[in-house]
C-alpha atoms as a PDB file:
ATOM      1  CA  MET A   1      -0.561  -0.301   0.016  1.00  0.00           C
ATOM      2  CA  SER A   2       1.172   3.110  -0.994  1.00  0.00           C
ATOM      3  CA  THR A   3       1.701   6.035   2.478  1.00  0.00           C
ATOM      4  CA  GLY A   4      -1.594   7.956   0.273  1.00  0.00           C
ATOM      5  CA  VAL A   5      -3.795   4.970   1.141  1.00  0.00           C
ATOM      6  CA  TRP A   6      -2.109   4.990   4.809  1.00  0.00           C
ATOM      7  CA  VAL A   7      -2.588   8.282   5.928  1.00  0.00           C
ATOM      8  CA  LEU A   8      -6.744   8.453   4.384  1.00  0.00           C
ATOM      9  CA  ILE A   9      -6.837   5.347   6.359  1.00  0.00           C
ATOM     10  CA  VAL A  10      -6.064   7.053   9.941  1.00  0.00           C
ATOM     11  CA  ILE A  11      -7.903  10.018   8.675  1.00  0.00           C
ATOM     12  CA  ILE A  12     -10.823   8.023   7.885  1.00  0.00           C
ATOM     13  CA  ALA A  13     -10.647   6.036  11.630  1.00  0.00           C
ATOM     14  CA  LEU A  14      -9.816   9.526  13.374  1.00  0.00           C
ATOM     15  CA  VAL A  15     -12.723  10.931  12.376  1.00  0.00           C
ATOM     16  CA  GLY A  16     -14.906   7.821  12.942  1.00  0.00           C
ATOM     17  CA  GLY A  17     -13.925   7.846  16.276  1.00  0.00           C
ATOM     18  CA  PHE A  18     -13.909  11.817  17.491  1.00  0.00           C
ATOM     19  CA  VAL A  19     -17.749  10.969  16.114  1.00  0.00           C
ATOM     20  CA  ALA A  20     -18.160   8.166  18.001  1.00  0.00           C
ATOM     21  CA  GLY A  21     -16.673   9.299  21.250  1.00  0.00           C
ATOM     22  CA  PHE A  22     -18.948  12.196  20.968  1.00  0.00           C
ATOM     23  CA  PHE A  23     -21.719  10.663  20.442  1.00  0.00           C
ATOM     24  CA  ALA A  24     -21.437   7.956  23.455  1.00  0.00           C
ATOM     25  CA  ALA A  25     -19.825  10.612  25.212  1.00  0.00           C
ATOM     26  CA  ARG A  26     -23.286  12.990  24.915  1.00  0.00           C
ATOM     27  CA  LYS A  27     -25.656  10.074  25.822  1.00  0.00           C
ATOM     28  CA  TYR A  28     -23.075   9.290  28.877  1.00  0.00           C
ATOM     29  CA  MET A  29     -23.903  12.607  30.236  1.00  0.00           C
ATOM     30  CA  GLU A  30     -27.388  12.608  29.281  1.00  0.00           C
ATOM     31  CA  ASP A  31     -28.085   9.157  31.316  1.00  0.00           C
ATOM     32  CA  TYR A  32     -26.179  10.501  34.334  1.00  0.00           C
ATOM     33  CA  LEU A  33     -28.236  14.122  34.415  1.00  0.00           C
ATOM     34  CA  LYS A  34     -31.510  11.743  34.456  1.00  0.00           C
ATOM     35  CA  LYS A  35     -30.159  10.069  37.129  1.00  0.00           C
ATOM     36  CA  ASN A  36     -28.872  12.789  39.219  1.00  0.00           C
ATOM     37  CA  PRO A  37     -30.674  15.702  38.552  1.00  0.00           C
ATOM     38  CA  PRO A  38     -28.625  18.796  39.359  1.00  0.00           C
ATOM     39  CA  ILE A  39     -31.641  20.690  41.729  1.00  0.00           C
ATOM     40  CA  ASN A  40     -32.359  18.925  44.518  1.00  0.00           C
ATOM     41  CA  GLU A  41     -35.456  19.932  47.399  1.00  0.00           C
ATOM     42  CA  GLN A  42     -33.013  21.891  49.163  1.00  0.00           C
ATOM     43  CA  MET A  43     -32.117  23.716  46.693  1.00  0.00           C
ATOM     44  CA  ILE A  44     -35.780  24.711  45.755  1.00  0.00           C
ATOM     45  CA  LYS A  45     -36.468  24.775  49.560  1.00  0.00           C
ATOM     46  CA  SER A  46     -33.758  27.678  49.839  1.00  0.00           C
ATOM     47  CA  MET A  47     -34.480  28.954  46.750  1.00  0.00           C
ATOM     48  CA  MET A  48     -38.420  29.181  48.205  1.00  0.00           C
ATOM     49  CA  LEU A  49     -37.598  30.576  51.450  1.00  0.00           C
ATOM     50  CA  GLN A  50     -35.314  33.479  49.766  1.00  0.00           C
ATOM     51  CA  MET A  51     -38.119  34.386  47.019  1.00  0.00           C
ATOM     52  CA  GLY A  52     -40.230  34.736  50.825  1.00  0.00           C
ATOM     53  CA  GLN A  53     -42.512  32.268  50.693  1.00  0.00           C
ATOM     54  CA  LYS A  54     -42.704  29.535  53.274  1.00  0.00           C
ATOM     55  CA  PRO A  55     -41.845  25.687  51.058  1.00  0.00           C
ATOM     56  CA  SER A  56     -44.464  23.174  52.267  1.00  0.00           C
ATOM     57  CA  GLU A  57     -43.047  19.424  51.615  1.00  0.00           C
ATOM     58  CA  LYS A  58     -46.552  19.396  49.279  1.00  0.00           C
ATOM     59  CA  LYS A  59     -45.118  22.241  47.566  1.00  0.00           C
ATOM     60  CA  LEU A  60     -41.920  20.960  47.073  1.00  0.00           C
ATOM     61  CA  HIS A  61     -42.815  16.867  45.998  1.00  0.00           C
ATOM     62  CA  GLN A  62     -45.034  19.195  43.401  1.00  0.00           C
ATOM     63  CA  MET A  63     -42.470  21.071  42.158  1.00  0.00           C
ATOM     64  CA  MET A  64     -40.191  18.049  41.906  1.00  0.00           C
ATOM     65  CA  THR A  65     -42.335  15.948  39.933  1.00  0.00           C
ATOM     66  CA  ALA A  66     -42.612  19.251  37.708  1.00  0.00           C
ATOM     67  CA  MET A  67     -39.191  19.410  37.283  1.00  0.00           C
ATOM     68  CA  LYS A  68     -38.779  15.630  36.465  1.00  0.00           C
ATOM     69  CA  LEU A  69     -41.398  15.722  33.894  1.00  0.00           C
ATOM     70  CA  ASN A  70     -40.212  18.683  32.461  1.00  0.00           C
ATOM     71  CA  TYR A  71     -36.233  17.347  32.285  1.00  0.00           C
ATOM     72  CA  GLY A  72     -37.292  13.886  31.064  1.00  0.00           C
ATOM     73  CA  LYS A  73     -39.878  15.507  27.633  1.00  0.00           C
ATOM     74  CA  LYS A  74     -35.927  16.397  26.601  1.00  0.00           C
END
């Protein structure tokens, strides 16, 4: 084989590796964020206190459920 063919094979392999790595990393991060959402009940509680609202357990659970439903649609 000539040098040009080897260079072409290496370039195709690199591009294929980058594309496969990108999609694998993207899928991993989506799954990770679904399992470990960035906002938890404690954060919502502190935000509500900062806004001057008294958070009840019912309101916290409603907001968490709404956020999980909205996050799952993406």
